[in-house]
Amino acid sequence: MDLIWTVLHFVVLGISLAAPVGPINLEMIKRGISSGFYASWLVGLGGMTADILFLLIILIGMAPYLQVEWVEICMYGIGGTLLLYLGISTIYGSFTKRKILEIGQPTQRNSYVVGFSIAAFNPINFVFWFGIFGSSIHSLSESWILALVGCLSLLLGIFLWNLNIAFTVHFARAFIKERILKIVNIGAGIFLTVSAFPFLSRFINLIL
């Protein structure tokens, strides 16, 4: 019974981590619209790889090292710059004369790297991984089997949500008009750009 409860709890926790609208989800939607299923899915897989990296950091006890000031400066600087670049390039691409559905094939080449970078250099992920998830795993520390099942279940929840977004966007884009696609793309670009400013502001405060 404890095993079943652990699986359900951490699958839901994984979905809860992946479901809120944020840079990863918006990048998946944007690339899914322009390039289809695989480009969107690769962004999700890249983000999930970063999640696995955070998970390993927690399990081997390196979390305190990520709270060192120079590490925080690098994270906020790189994360903010990346989001700003993605946002501006998305808005710029939406105003080109080419159709949204014709823009995307080259984006598949770097979709995985972009997904990994967004997740790995997003300080907001620290709140979850080293806070909520860290305490959840600590509660299972008496049984390494339950802790392992919890970790795998969490990753399964993230994987299922990413797969859901990739499939939904891929099949829905065929029924959406080009004008609406451009509006969605511009909206995603604006959100990514705005998301960069708190990171860059924190970065400036840390180096001054």
N, C-alpha and C. Protein backbone atom coordinates (compact mmCIF):
# COMPACT_ATOMS: atom_id res chain seq x y z
N MET A 1 0.84 -1.22 0.00
CA MET A 1 0.00 0.00 0.00
C MET A 1 0.87 1.26 0.00
N ASP A 2 1.95 1.23 0.79
CA ASP A 2 2.86 2.38 0.83
C ASP A 2 3.49 2.61 -0.53
N LEU A 3 3.79 1.52 -1.24
CA LEU A 3 4.42 1.62 -2.55
C LEU A 3 3.47 2.29 -3.55
N ILE A 4 2.22 1.88 -3.55
CA ILE A 4 1.22 2.46 -4.47
C ILE A 4 1.02 3.94 -4.15
N TRP A 5 0.91 4.26 -2.87
CA TRP A 5 0.73 5.66 -2.46
C TRP A 5 1.93 6.52 -2.86
N THR A 6 3.12 5.97 -2.72
CA THR A 6 4.33 6.70 -3.10
C THR A 6 4.35 6.98 -4.59
N VAL A 7 4.01 5.97 -5.41
CA VAL A 7 3.97 6.14 -6.87
C VAL A 7 2.97 7.24 -7.24
N LEU A 8 1.75 7.15 -6.72
CA LEU A 8 0.72 8.14 -7.05
C LEU A 8 1.11 9.53 -6.60
N HIS A 9 1.66 9.62 -5.39
CA HIS A 9 2.04 10.92 -4.83
C HIS A 9 3.09 11.61 -5.69
N PHE A 10 4.12 10.87 -6.08
CA PHE A 10 5.23 11.49 -6.81
C PHE A 10 4.92 11.68 -8.30
N VAL A 11 4.04 10.85 -8.87
CA VAL A 11 3.60 11.11 -10.25
C VAL A 11 2.83 12.43 -10.30
N VAL A 12 1.92 12.61 -9.34
CA VAL A 12 1.16 13.86 -9.28
C VAL A 12 2.09 15.04 -9.00
N LEU A 13 3.09 14.83 -8.15
CA LEU A 13 4.06 15.88 -7.85
C LEU A 13 4.85 16.26 -9.10
N GLY A 14 5.22 15.26 -9.90
CA GLY A 14 5.93 15.53 -11.16
C GLY A 14 5.08 16.31 -12.14
N ILE A 15 3.82 15.93 -12.25
CA ILE A 15 2.90 16.67 -13.13
C ILE A 15 2.72 18.09 -12.62
N SER A 16 2.64 18.25 -11.30
CA SER A 16 2.49 19.58 -10.71
C SER A 16 3.69 20.46 -11.00
N LEU A 17 4.87 19.85 -11.04
CA LEU A 17 6.08 20.61 -11.37
C LEU A 17 6.07 21.05 -12.82
N ALA A 18 5.63 20.16 -13.72
CA ALA A 18 5.72 20.42 -15.16
C ALA A 18 4.54 21.23 -15.69
N ALA A 19 3.38 21.17 -15.00
CA ALA A 19 2.15 21.74 -15.56
C ALA A 19 2.08 23.27 -15.59
N PRO A 20 2.54 24.00 -14.57
CA PRO A 20 2.38 25.46 -14.60
C PRO A 20 3.01 26.08 -15.84
N VAL A 21 2.34 27.11 -16.37
CA VAL A 21 2.85 27.79 -17.56
C VAL A 21 4.14 28.53 -17.20
N GLY A 22 5.20 28.16 -17.87
CA GLY A 22 6.50 28.77 -17.63
C GLY A 22 7.33 28.72 -18.89
N PRO A 23 8.61 29.09 -18.79
CA PRO A 23 9.46 29.13 -19.98
C PRO A 23 9.55 27.81 -20.75
N ILE A 24 9.63 26.68 -20.04
CA ILE A 24 9.74 25.39 -20.72
C ILE A 24 8.47 25.08 -21.50
N ASN A 25 7.32 25.21 -20.84
CA ASN A 25 6.05 24.92 -21.52
C ASN A 25 5.82 25.84 -22.71
N LEU A 26 6.15 27.11 -22.54
CA LEU A 26 5.96 28.05 -23.65
C LEU A 26 6.89 27.74 -24.81
N GLU A 27 8.11 27.36 -24.50
CA GLU A 27 9.05 26.99 -25.57
C GLU A 27 8.59 25.72 -26.28
N MET A 28 8.03 24.78 -25.53
CA MET A 28 7.48 23.57 -26.14
C MET A 28 6.31 23.90 -27.07
N ILE A 29 5.43 24.79 -26.61
CA ILE A 29 4.28 25.19 -27.43
C ILE A 29 4.75 25.92 -28.68
N LYS A 30 5.69 26.84 -28.49
CA LYS A 30 6.18 27.63 -29.63
C LYS A 30 6.83 26.73 -30.68
N ARG A 31 7.68 25.83 -30.25
CA ARG A 31 8.37 24.95 -31.21
C ARG A 31 7.43 23.89 -31.77
N GLY A 32 6.46 23.49 -30.97
CA GLY A 32 5.47 22.54 -31.48
C GLY A 32 4.63 23.15 -32.59
N ILE A 33 4.31 24.42 -32.44
CA ILE A 33 3.54 25.13 -33.47
C ILE A 33 4.34 25.28 -34.75
N SER A 34 5.61 25.64 -34.62
CA SER A 34 6.42 25.95 -35.79
C SER A 34 7.07 24.72 -36.42
N SER A 35 7.36 23.69 -35.59
CA SER A 35 8.15 22.56 -36.11
C SER A 35 7.53 21.20 -35.88
N GLY A 36 6.48 21.11 -35.09
CA GLY A 36 5.83 19.83 -34.89
C GLY A 36 6.22 19.11 -33.62
N PHE A 37 5.84 17.84 -33.56
CA PHE A 37 5.95 17.04 -32.34
C PHE A 37 7.37 16.91 -31.82
N TYR A 38 8.30 16.51 -32.68
CA TYR A 38 9.65 16.17 -32.21
C TYR A 38 10.38 17.38 -31.63
N ALA A 39 10.23 18.54 -32.28
CA ALA A 39 10.89 19.74 -31.75
C ALA A 39 10.37 20.08 -30.37
N SER A 40 9.04 19.97 -30.19
CA SER A 40 8.43 20.24 -28.89
C SER A 40 8.87 19.22 -27.85
N TRP A 41 8.86 17.96 -28.23
CA TRP A 41 9.22 16.88 -27.31
C TRP A 41 10.67 16.97 -26.88
N LEU A 42 11.56 17.36 -27.81
CA LEU A 42 12.98 17.47 -27.49
C LEU A 42 13.22 18.57 -26.45
N VAL A 43 12.45 19.66 -26.53
CA VAL A 43 12.56 20.70 -25.51
C VAL A 43 12.21 20.12 -24.14
N GLY A 44 11.11 19.34 -24.10
CA GLY A 44 10.70 18.71 -22.85
C GLY A 44 11.74 17.73 -22.33
N LEU A 45 12.33 16.94 -23.23
CA LEU A 45 13.36 15.99 -22.82
C LEU A 45 14.61 16.71 -22.29
N GLY A 46 14.95 17.84 -22.92
CA GLY A 46 16.08 18.63 -22.43
C GLY A 46 15.82 19.15 -21.03
N GLY A 47 14.62 19.66 -20.81
CA GLY A 47 14.26 20.13 -19.47
C GLY A 47 14.26 19.00 -18.46
N MET A 48 13.80 17.83 -18.88
CA MET A 48 13.75 16.68 -17.99
C MET A 48 15.16 16.21 -17.64
N THR A 49 16.09 16.33 -18.57
CA THR A 49 17.49 15.97 -18.30
C THR A 49 18.06 16.87 -17.20
N ALA A 50 17.74 18.16 -17.27
CA ALA A 50 18.18 19.08 -16.21
C ALA A 50 17.54 18.70 -14.87
N ASP A 51 16.27 18.27 -14.91
CA ASP A 51 15.61 17.84 -13.68
C ASP A 51 16.33 16.62 -13.07
N ILE A 52 16.75 15.69 -13.93
CA ILE A 52 17.48 14.52 -13.45
C ILE A 52 18.80 14.95 -12.82
N LEU A 53 19.44 15.94 -13.42
CA LEU A 53 20.69 16.46 -12.87
C LEU A 53 20.48 17.05 -11.48
N PHE A 54 19.41 17.84 -11.32
CA PHE A 54 19.10 18.40 -10.00
C PHE A 54 18.82 17.28 -9.00
N LEU A 55 18.11 16.25 -9.47
CA LEU A 55 17.78 15.12 -8.61
C LEU A 55 19.04 14.44 -8.10
N LEU A 56 20.00 14.22 -9.00
CA LEU A 56 21.25 13.58 -8.60
C LEU A 56 22.03 14.46 -7.62
N ILE A 57 21.99 15.78 -7.84
CA ILE A 57 22.69 16.71 -6.94
C ILE A 57 22.13 16.60 -5.52
N ILE A 58 20.80 16.47 -5.43
CA ILE A 58 20.17 16.32 -4.12
C ILE A 58 20.59 15.01 -3.48
N LEU A 59 20.56 13.94 -4.26
CA LEU A 59 20.82 12.61 -3.72
C LEU A 59 22.27 12.45 -3.24
N ILE A 60 23.22 13.14 -3.88
CA ILE A 60 24.62 13.00 -3.47
C ILE A 60 25.05 14.12 -2.52
N GLY A 61 24.11 14.98 -2.15
CA GLY A 61 24.37 15.97 -1.11
C GLY A 61 25.14 17.20 -1.54
N MET A 62 25.04 17.59 -2.82
CA MET A 62 25.79 18.76 -3.29
C MET A 62 24.95 20.04 -3.33
N ALA A 63 23.71 19.97 -2.90
CA ALA A 63 22.82 21.12 -2.98
C ALA A 63 23.39 22.39 -2.34
N PRO A 64 24.06 22.30 -1.16
CA PRO A 64 24.58 23.54 -0.54
C PRO A 64 25.57 24.29 -1.42
N TYR A 65 26.30 23.58 -2.28
CA TYR A 65 27.29 24.24 -3.13
C TYR A 65 26.64 25.14 -4.18
N LEU A 66 25.38 24.85 -4.52
CA LEU A 66 24.69 25.67 -5.51
C LEU A 66 24.18 26.98 -4.92
N GLN A 67 24.31 27.12 -3.60
CA GLN A 67 23.88 28.35 -2.94
C GLN A 67 25.04 29.31 -2.73
N VAL A 68 26.23 28.95 -3.22
CA VAL A 68 27.38 29.84 -3.16
C VAL A 68 27.11 31.05 -4.05
N GLU A 69 27.55 32.24 -3.63
CA GLU A 69 27.18 33.48 -4.31
C GLU A 69 27.59 33.51 -5.78
N TRP A 70 28.82 33.09 -6.10
CA TRP A 70 29.25 33.18 -7.49
C TRP A 70 28.48 32.21 -8.38
N VAL A 71 28.02 31.09 -7.80
CA VAL A 71 27.19 30.15 -8.56
C VAL A 71 25.83 30.78 -8.85
N GLU A 72 25.27 31.47 -7.86
CA GLU A 72 23.99 32.15 -8.05
C GLU A 72 24.11 33.24 -9.12
N ILE A 73 25.21 33.97 -9.09
CA ILE A 73 25.43 35.02 -10.09
C ILE A 73 25.43 34.43 -11.50
N CYS A 74 26.14 33.32 -11.67
CA CYS A 74 26.19 32.67 -12.99
C CYS A 74 24.81 32.18 -13.41
N MET A 75 24.08 31.57 -12.48
CA MET A 75 22.76 31.02 -12.80
C MET A 75 21.79 32.12 -13.23
N TYR A 76 21.74 33.20 -12.45
CA TYR A 76 20.82 34.29 -12.78
C TYR A 76 21.23 34.98 -14.07
N GLY A 77 22.53 35.18 -14.27
CA GLY A 77 23.00 35.84 -15.48
C GLY A 77 22.73 35.03 -16.74
N ILE A 78 23.10 33.76 -16.72
CA ILE A 78 22.89 32.90 -17.89
C ILE A 78 21.41 32.66 -18.13
N GLY A 79 20.65 32.38 -17.06
CA GLY A 79 19.22 32.13 -17.21
C GLY A 79 18.47 33.33 -17.77
N GLY A 80 18.76 34.52 -17.22
CA GLY A 80 18.09 35.74 -17.70
C GLY A 80 18.44 36.06 -19.13
N THR A 81 19.73 35.93 -19.48
CA THR A 81 20.16 36.22 -20.86
C THR A 81 19.52 35.25 -21.85
N LEU A 82 19.46 33.98 -21.47
CA LEU A 82 18.86 32.97 -22.35
C LEU A 82 17.38 33.26 -22.60
N LEU A 83 16.64 33.55 -21.54
CA LEU A 83 15.21 33.84 -21.70
C LEU A 83 14.99 35.10 -22.53
N LEU A 84 15.84 36.11 -22.31
CA LEU A 84 15.72 37.36 -23.08
C LEU A 84 15.98 37.10 -24.56
N TYR A 85 17.00 36.31 -24.86
CA TYR A 85 17.32 35.98 -26.26
C TYR A 85 16.17 35.21 -26.91
N LEU A 86 15.66 34.19 -26.21
CA LEU A 86 14.57 33.40 -26.77
C LEU A 86 13.32 34.24 -27.00
N GLY A 87 13.02 35.13 -26.05
CA GLY A 87 11.84 35.97 -26.19
C GLY A 87 11.93 36.92 -27.37
N ILE A 88 13.07 37.63 -27.48
CA ILE A 88 13.25 38.59 -28.57
C ILE A 88 13.27 37.89 -29.93
N SER A 89 13.97 36.75 -30.01
CA SER A 89 14.04 36.03 -31.28
C SER A 89 12.67 35.48 -31.68
N THR A 90 11.86 35.09 -30.71
CA THR A 90 10.52 34.60 -31.00
C THR A 90 9.63 35.71 -31.55
N ILE A 91 9.69 36.88 -30.89
CA ILE A 91 8.88 38.02 -31.36
C ILE A 91 9.33 38.44 -32.75
N TYR A 92 10.64 38.51 -32.97
CA TYR A 92 11.18 38.90 -34.28
C TYR A 92 10.73 37.91 -35.37
N GLY A 93 10.82 36.62 -35.04
CA GLY A 93 10.42 35.61 -36.02
C GLY A 93 8.95 35.66 -36.37
N SER A 94 8.12 36.14 -35.43
CA SER A 94 6.68 36.22 -35.68
C SER A 94 6.32 37.31 -36.67
N PHE A 95 7.20 38.30 -36.83
CA PHE A 95 6.92 39.42 -37.74
C PHE A 95 7.58 39.25 -39.10
N THR A 96 8.24 38.12 -39.33
CA THR A 96 8.81 37.87 -40.66
C THR A 96 7.69 37.51 -41.62
N LYS A 97 7.97 37.59 -42.90
CA LYS A 97 6.95 37.32 -43.91
C LYS A 97 6.67 35.83 -44.07
N ARG A 98 7.61 34.99 -43.62
CA ARG A 98 7.40 33.55 -43.75
C ARG A 98 6.32 33.09 -42.79
N LYS A 99 5.62 32.03 -43.16
CA LYS A 99 4.57 31.50 -42.31
C LYS A 99 5.20 30.77 -41.12
N ILE A 100 4.45 30.77 -40.01
CA ILE A 100 4.93 30.13 -38.79
C ILE A 100 5.27 28.67 -39.03
N LEU A 101 4.41 27.97 -39.78
CA LEU A 101 4.60 26.55 -39.99
C LEU A 101 5.75 26.24 -40.94
N GLU A 102 6.31 27.27 -41.55
CA GLU A 102 7.44 27.06 -42.45
C GLU A 102 8.77 27.51 -41.83
N ILE A 103 8.70 28.08 -40.65
CA ILE A 103 9.89 28.64 -40.03
C ILE A 103 10.76 27.54 -39.41
N GLY A 104 10.11 26.46 -38.93
CA GLY A 104 10.70 25.70 -37.87
C GLY A 104 11.71 24.63 -38.08
N GLN A 105 11.91 24.04 -39.26
CA GLN A 105 12.73 22.83 -39.31
C GLN A 105 14.10 22.97 -38.67
N PRO A 106 14.84 24.07 -38.87
CA PRO A 106 16.16 24.17 -38.23
C PRO A 106 16.11 24.17 -36.71
N THR A 107 14.97 24.57 -36.12
CA THR A 107 14.91 24.67 -34.66
C THR A 107 15.01 23.30 -34.00
N GLN A 108 14.73 22.21 -34.73
CA GLN A 108 14.80 20.89 -34.12
C GLN A 108 16.23 20.56 -33.71
N ARG A 109 17.21 21.12 -34.38
CA ARG A 109 18.60 20.79 -34.11
C ARG A 109 19.04 21.21 -32.71
N ASN A 110 18.48 22.30 -32.22
CA ASN A 110 18.92 22.78 -30.90
C ASN A 110 17.80 22.74 -29.87
N SER A 111 16.70 22.08 -30.17
CA SER A 111 15.57 22.07 -29.24
C SER A 111 15.95 21.43 -27.91
N TYR A 112 16.68 20.32 -27.96
CA TYR A 112 17.08 19.63 -26.73
C TYR A 112 17.98 20.51 -25.88
N VAL A 113 18.96 21.16 -26.53
CA VAL A 113 19.91 22.02 -25.81
C VAL A 113 19.19 23.20 -25.18
N VAL A 114 18.24 23.79 -25.93
CA VAL A 114 17.48 24.93 -25.41
C VAL A 114 16.66 24.51 -24.19
N GLY A 115 15.98 23.37 -24.29
CA GLY A 115 15.19 22.88 -23.17
C GLY A 115 16.03 22.64 -21.93
N PHE A 116 17.20 22.02 -22.13
CA PHE A 116 18.11 21.75 -21.01
C PHE A 116 18.59 23.07 -20.39
N SER A 117 18.95 24.03 -21.24
CA SER A 117 19.50 25.30 -20.75
C SER A 117 18.47 26.08 -19.95
N ILE A 118 17.23 26.13 -20.45
CA ILE A 118 16.18 26.86 -19.75
C ILE A 118 15.97 26.29 -18.35
N ALA A 119 15.89 24.96 -18.27
CA ALA A 119 15.63 24.33 -16.98
C ALA A 119 16.85 24.38 -16.06
N ALA A 120 18.04 24.17 -16.61
CA ALA A 120 19.25 24.10 -15.79
C ALA A 120 19.64 25.45 -15.21
N PHE A 121 19.35 26.53 -15.94
CA PHE A 121 19.76 27.86 -15.47
C PHE A 121 18.56 28.69 -15.01
N ASN A 122 17.50 28.01 -14.60
CA ASN A 122 16.32 28.69 -14.08
C ASN A 122 16.31 28.57 -12.56
N PRO A 123 16.64 29.66 -11.85
CA PRO A 123 16.71 29.60 -10.38
C PRO A 123 15.39 29.19 -9.72
N ILE A 124 14.26 29.39 -10.42
CA ILE A 124 12.97 29.00 -9.84
C ILE A 124 12.93 27.50 -9.58
N ASN A 125 13.64 26.73 -10.40
CA ASN A 125 13.68 25.28 -10.20
C ASN A 125 14.27 24.92 -8.84
N PHE A 126 15.17 25.78 -8.33
CA PHE A 126 15.78 25.50 -7.02
C PHE A 126 14.72 25.44 -5.93
N VAL A 127 13.71 26.32 -6.03
CA VAL A 127 12.67 26.37 -5.00
C VAL A 127 11.99 25.02 -4.89
N PHE A 128 11.73 24.41 -6.05
CA PHE A 128 11.08 23.10 -6.02
C PHE A 128 12.04 21.99 -5.60
N TRP A 129 13.15 21.87 -6.33
CA TRP A 129 14.03 20.72 -6.14
C TRP A 129 14.68 20.68 -4.77
N PHE A 130 15.12 21.83 -4.28
CA PHE A 130 15.83 21.84 -3.00
C PHE A 130 14.91 22.18 -1.84
N GLY A 131 13.65 22.44 -2.14
CA GLY A 131 12.67 22.73 -1.10
C GLY A 131 11.63 21.64 -0.99
N ILE A 132 10.63 21.72 -1.85
CA ILE A 132 9.50 20.79 -1.80
C ILE A 132 9.97 19.35 -2.02
N PHE A 133 10.71 19.13 -3.13
CA PHE A 133 11.10 17.76 -3.43
C PHE A 133 12.13 17.22 -2.44
N GLY A 134 13.07 18.08 -2.03
CA GLY A 134 14.07 17.65 -1.07
C GLY A 134 13.45 17.15 0.22
N SER A 135 12.44 17.88 0.72
CA SER A 135 11.78 17.47 1.96
C SER A 135 10.94 16.22 1.75
N SER A 136 10.36 16.08 0.55
CA SER A 136 9.56 14.89 0.26
C SER A 136 10.43 13.64 0.24
N ILE A 137 11.59 13.74 -0.40
CA ILE A 137 12.51 12.60 -0.45
C ILE A 137 13.06 12.28 0.94
N HIS A 138 13.30 13.34 1.73
CA HIS A 138 13.83 13.13 3.09
C HIS A 138 12.85 12.31 3.92
N SER A 139 11.56 12.50 3.68
CA SER A 139 10.55 11.75 4.43
C SER A 139 10.58 10.26 4.10
N LEU A 140 11.21 9.91 2.97
CA LEU A 140 11.30 8.50 2.56
C LEU A 140 12.69 7.92 2.82
N SER A 141 13.54 8.67 3.51
CA SER A 141 14.94 8.28 3.66
C SER A 141 15.12 6.98 4.42
N GLU A 142 14.10 6.54 5.18
CA GLU A 142 14.22 5.30 5.93
C GLU A 142 14.20 4.08 5.02
N SER A 143 13.66 4.23 3.82
CA SER A 143 13.59 3.11 2.87
C SER A 143 14.13 3.57 1.53
N TRP A 144 15.29 3.03 1.14
CA TRP A 144 15.89 3.44 -0.13
C TRP A 144 15.07 2.98 -1.32
N ILE A 145 14.30 1.88 -1.13
CA ILE A 145 13.45 1.39 -2.22
C ILE A 145 12.33 2.39 -2.49
N LEU A 146 11.68 2.88 -1.42
CA LEU A 146 10.62 3.87 -1.59
C LEU A 146 11.18 5.18 -2.15
N ALA A 147 12.38 5.56 -1.71
CA ALA A 147 13.00 6.78 -2.22
C ALA A 147 13.29 6.65 -3.72
N LEU A 148 13.78 5.49 -4.15
CA LEU A 148 14.05 5.26 -5.57
C LEU A 148 12.75 5.27 -6.37
N VAL A 149 11.72 4.59 -5.85
CA VAL A 149 10.42 4.58 -6.53
C VAL A 149 9.86 5.99 -6.63
N GLY A 150 10.04 6.78 -5.57
CA GLY A 150 9.56 8.16 -5.59
C GLY A 150 10.24 8.99 -6.66
N CYS A 151 11.56 8.83 -6.77
CA CYS A 151 12.32 9.58 -7.79
C CYS A 151 11.86 9.21 -9.20
N LEU A 152 11.74 7.92 -9.45
CA LEU A 152 11.33 7.45 -10.78
C LEU A 152 9.89 7.86 -11.09
N SER A 153 9.03 7.84 -10.08
CA SER A 153 7.64 8.24 -10.28
C SER A 153 7.52 9.72 -10.60
N LEU A 154 8.35 10.52 -9.94
CA LEU A 154 8.36 11.96 -10.22
C LEU A 154 8.77 12.23 -11.66
N LEU A 155 9.84 11.56 -12.11
CA LEU A 155 10.29 11.72 -13.49
C LEU A 155 9.25 11.22 -14.48
N LEU A 156 8.52 10.18 -14.12
CA LEU A 156 7.44 9.68 -14.97
C LEU A 156 6.35 10.73 -15.13
N GLY A 157 6.00 11.40 -14.03
CA GLY A 157 4.98 12.45 -14.10
C GLY A 157 5.40 13.59 -15.01
N ILE A 158 6.68 14.01 -14.90
CA ILE A 158 7.19 15.07 -15.78
C ILE A 158 7.17 14.62 -17.23
N PHE A 159 7.59 13.37 -17.47
CA PHE A 159 7.63 12.83 -18.83
C PHE A 159 6.23 12.79 -19.45
N LEU A 160 5.25 12.33 -18.69
CA LEU A 160 3.88 12.22 -19.21
C LEU A 160 3.32 13.59 -19.56
N TRP A 161 3.61 14.60 -18.73
CA TRP A 161 3.10 15.94 -19.02
C TRP A 161 3.74 16.53 -20.26
N ASN A 162 5.04 16.35 -20.39
CA ASN A 162 5.74 16.85 -21.58
C ASN A 162 5.22 16.17 -22.85
N LEU A 163 4.98 14.87 -22.75
CA LEU A 163 4.44 14.13 -23.89
C LEU A 163 3.05 14.64 -24.24
N ASN A 164 2.26 14.94 -23.24
CA ASN A 164 0.92 15.47 -23.45
C ASN A 164 0.96 16.80 -24.20
N ILE A 165 1.84 17.71 -23.78
CA ILE A 165 1.95 19.01 -24.45
C ILE A 165 2.39 18.83 -25.90
N ALA A 166 3.40 18.00 -26.13
CA ALA A 166 3.92 17.81 -27.48
C ALA A 166 2.85 17.26 -28.42
N PHE A 167 2.09 16.25 -27.96
CA PHE A 167 1.04 15.68 -28.78
C PHE A 167 -0.09 16.68 -29.02
N THR A 168 -0.50 17.36 -27.96
CA THR A 168 -1.63 18.31 -28.07
C THR A 168 -1.32 19.43 -29.05
N VAL A 169 -0.14 20.04 -28.92
CA VAL A 169 0.23 21.15 -29.80
C VAL A 169 0.40 20.66 -31.23
N HIS A 170 1.00 19.48 -31.42
CA HIS A 170 1.25 18.96 -32.76
C HIS A 170 -0.06 18.77 -33.53
N PHE A 171 -1.06 18.17 -32.87
CA PHE A 171 -2.31 17.89 -33.57
C PHE A 171 -3.23 19.11 -33.62
N ALA A 172 -3.11 20.00 -32.64
CA ALA A 172 -3.98 21.18 -32.62
C ALA A 172 -3.56 22.22 -33.65
N ARG A 173 -2.27 22.27 -33.99
CA ARG A 173 -1.80 23.32 -34.90
C ARG A 173 -2.41 23.22 -36.29
N ALA A 174 -2.86 22.02 -36.68
CA ALA A 174 -3.45 21.85 -38.00
C ALA A 174 -4.82 22.52 -38.10
N PHE A 175 -5.43 22.80 -36.94
CA PHE A 175 -6.78 23.38 -36.93
C PHE A 175 -6.77 24.86 -36.57
N ILE A 176 -5.58 25.42 -36.41
CA ILE A 176 -5.47 26.83 -36.02
C ILE A 176 -5.00 27.65 -37.21
N LYS A 177 -5.63 28.79 -37.43
CA LYS A 177 -5.26 29.65 -38.55
C LYS A 177 -3.91 30.31 -38.31
N GLU A 178 -3.26 30.68 -39.40
CA GLU A 178 -1.92 31.26 -39.34
C GLU A 178 -1.88 32.51 -38.47
N ARG A 179 -2.90 33.34 -38.56
CA ARG A 179 -2.93 34.58 -37.78
C ARG A 179 -2.94 34.28 -36.28
N ILE A 180 -3.72 33.27 -35.87
CA ILE A 180 -3.76 32.90 -34.46
C ILE A 180 -2.42 32.33 -34.01
N LEU A 181 -1.79 31.56 -34.90
CA LEU A 181 -0.48 31.02 -34.58
C LEU A 181 0.53 32.12 -34.31
N LYS A 182 0.48 33.18 -35.11
CA LYS A 182 1.39 34.31 -34.92
C LYS A 182 1.13 35.00 -33.59
N ILE A 183 -0.15 35.14 -33.25
CA ILE A 183 -0.51 35.79 -31.98
C ILE A 183 0.00 34.96 -30.80
N VAL A 184 -0.18 33.63 -30.87
CA VAL A 184 0.31 32.74 -29.81
C VAL A 184 1.83 32.85 -29.70
N ASN A 185 2.49 32.88 -30.86
CA ASN A 185 3.95 32.97 -30.87
C ASN A 185 4.44 34.28 -30.25
N ILE A 186 3.77 35.39 -30.61
CA ILE A 186 4.13 36.70 -30.06
C ILE A 186 3.90 36.72 -28.55
N GLY A 187 2.75 36.15 -28.12
CA GLY A 187 2.46 36.09 -26.69
C GLY A 187 3.50 35.31 -25.92
N ALA A 188 3.93 34.17 -26.50
CA ALA A 188 4.97 33.37 -25.86
C ALA A 188 6.29 34.14 -25.80
N GLY A 189 6.60 34.87 -26.87
CA GLY A 189 7.82 35.67 -26.90
C GLY A 189 7.82 36.76 -25.84
N ILE A 190 6.68 37.43 -25.69
CA ILE A 190 6.56 38.48 -24.68
C ILE A 190 6.72 37.90 -23.28
N PHE A 191 6.09 36.76 -23.04
CA PHE A 191 6.18 36.14 -21.71
C PHE A 191 7.62 35.74 -21.40
N LEU A 192 8.32 35.15 -22.38
CA LEU A 192 9.71 34.76 -22.17
C LEU A 192 10.59 35.98 -21.88
N THR A 193 10.32 37.08 -22.62
CA THR A 193 11.10 38.30 -22.42
C THR A 193 10.86 38.88 -21.02
N VAL A 194 9.58 38.96 -20.63
CA VAL A 194 9.25 39.49 -19.31
C VAL A 194 9.83 38.61 -18.21
N SER A 195 9.84 37.28 -18.43
CA SER A 195 10.38 36.36 -17.43
C SER A 195 11.87 36.57 -17.20
N ALA A 196 12.55 37.15 -18.19
CA ALA A 196 13.99 37.36 -18.06
C ALA A 196 14.35 38.48 -17.10
N PHE A 197 13.48 39.49 -16.98
CA PHE A 197 13.83 40.68 -16.22
C PHE A 197 14.05 40.43 -14.72
N PRO A 198 13.21 39.61 -14.04
CA PRO A 198 13.52 39.34 -12.62
C PRO A 198 14.87 38.67 -12.43
N PHE A 199 15.24 37.77 -13.35
CA PHE A 199 16.54 37.11 -13.25
C PHE A 199 17.67 38.09 -13.46
N LEU A 200 17.54 38.93 -14.48
CA LEU A 200 18.59 39.91 -14.77
C LEU A 200 18.68 40.95 -13.66
N SER A 201 17.54 41.31 -13.08
CA SER A 201 17.54 42.26 -11.97
C SER A 201 18.27 41.68 -10.76
N ARG A 202 18.00 40.41 -10.48
CA ARG A 202 18.68 39.73 -9.36
C ARG A 202 20.17 39.60 -9.67
N PHE A 203 20.51 39.33 -10.92
CA PHE A 203 21.90 39.21 -11.33
C PHE A 203 22.66 40.53 -11.10
N ILE A 204 22.04 41.65 -11.48
CA ILE A 204 22.66 42.97 -11.30
C ILE A 204 22.83 43.27 -9.81
N ASN A 205 21.82 42.94 -9.01
CA ASN A 205 21.90 43.19 -7.57
C ASN A 205 23.02 42.39 -6.91
N LEU A 206 23.26 41.19 -7.41
CA LEU A 206 24.29 40.33 -6.82
C LEU A 206 25.70 40.82 -7.15
N ILE A 207 25.88 41.38 -8.35
CA ILE A 207 27.23 41.78 -8.74
C ILE A 207 27.57 43.20 -8.28
N LEU A 208 26.57 43.99 -7.88
CA LEU A 208 26.82 45.36 -7.39
C LEU A 208 27.14 45.37 -5.90
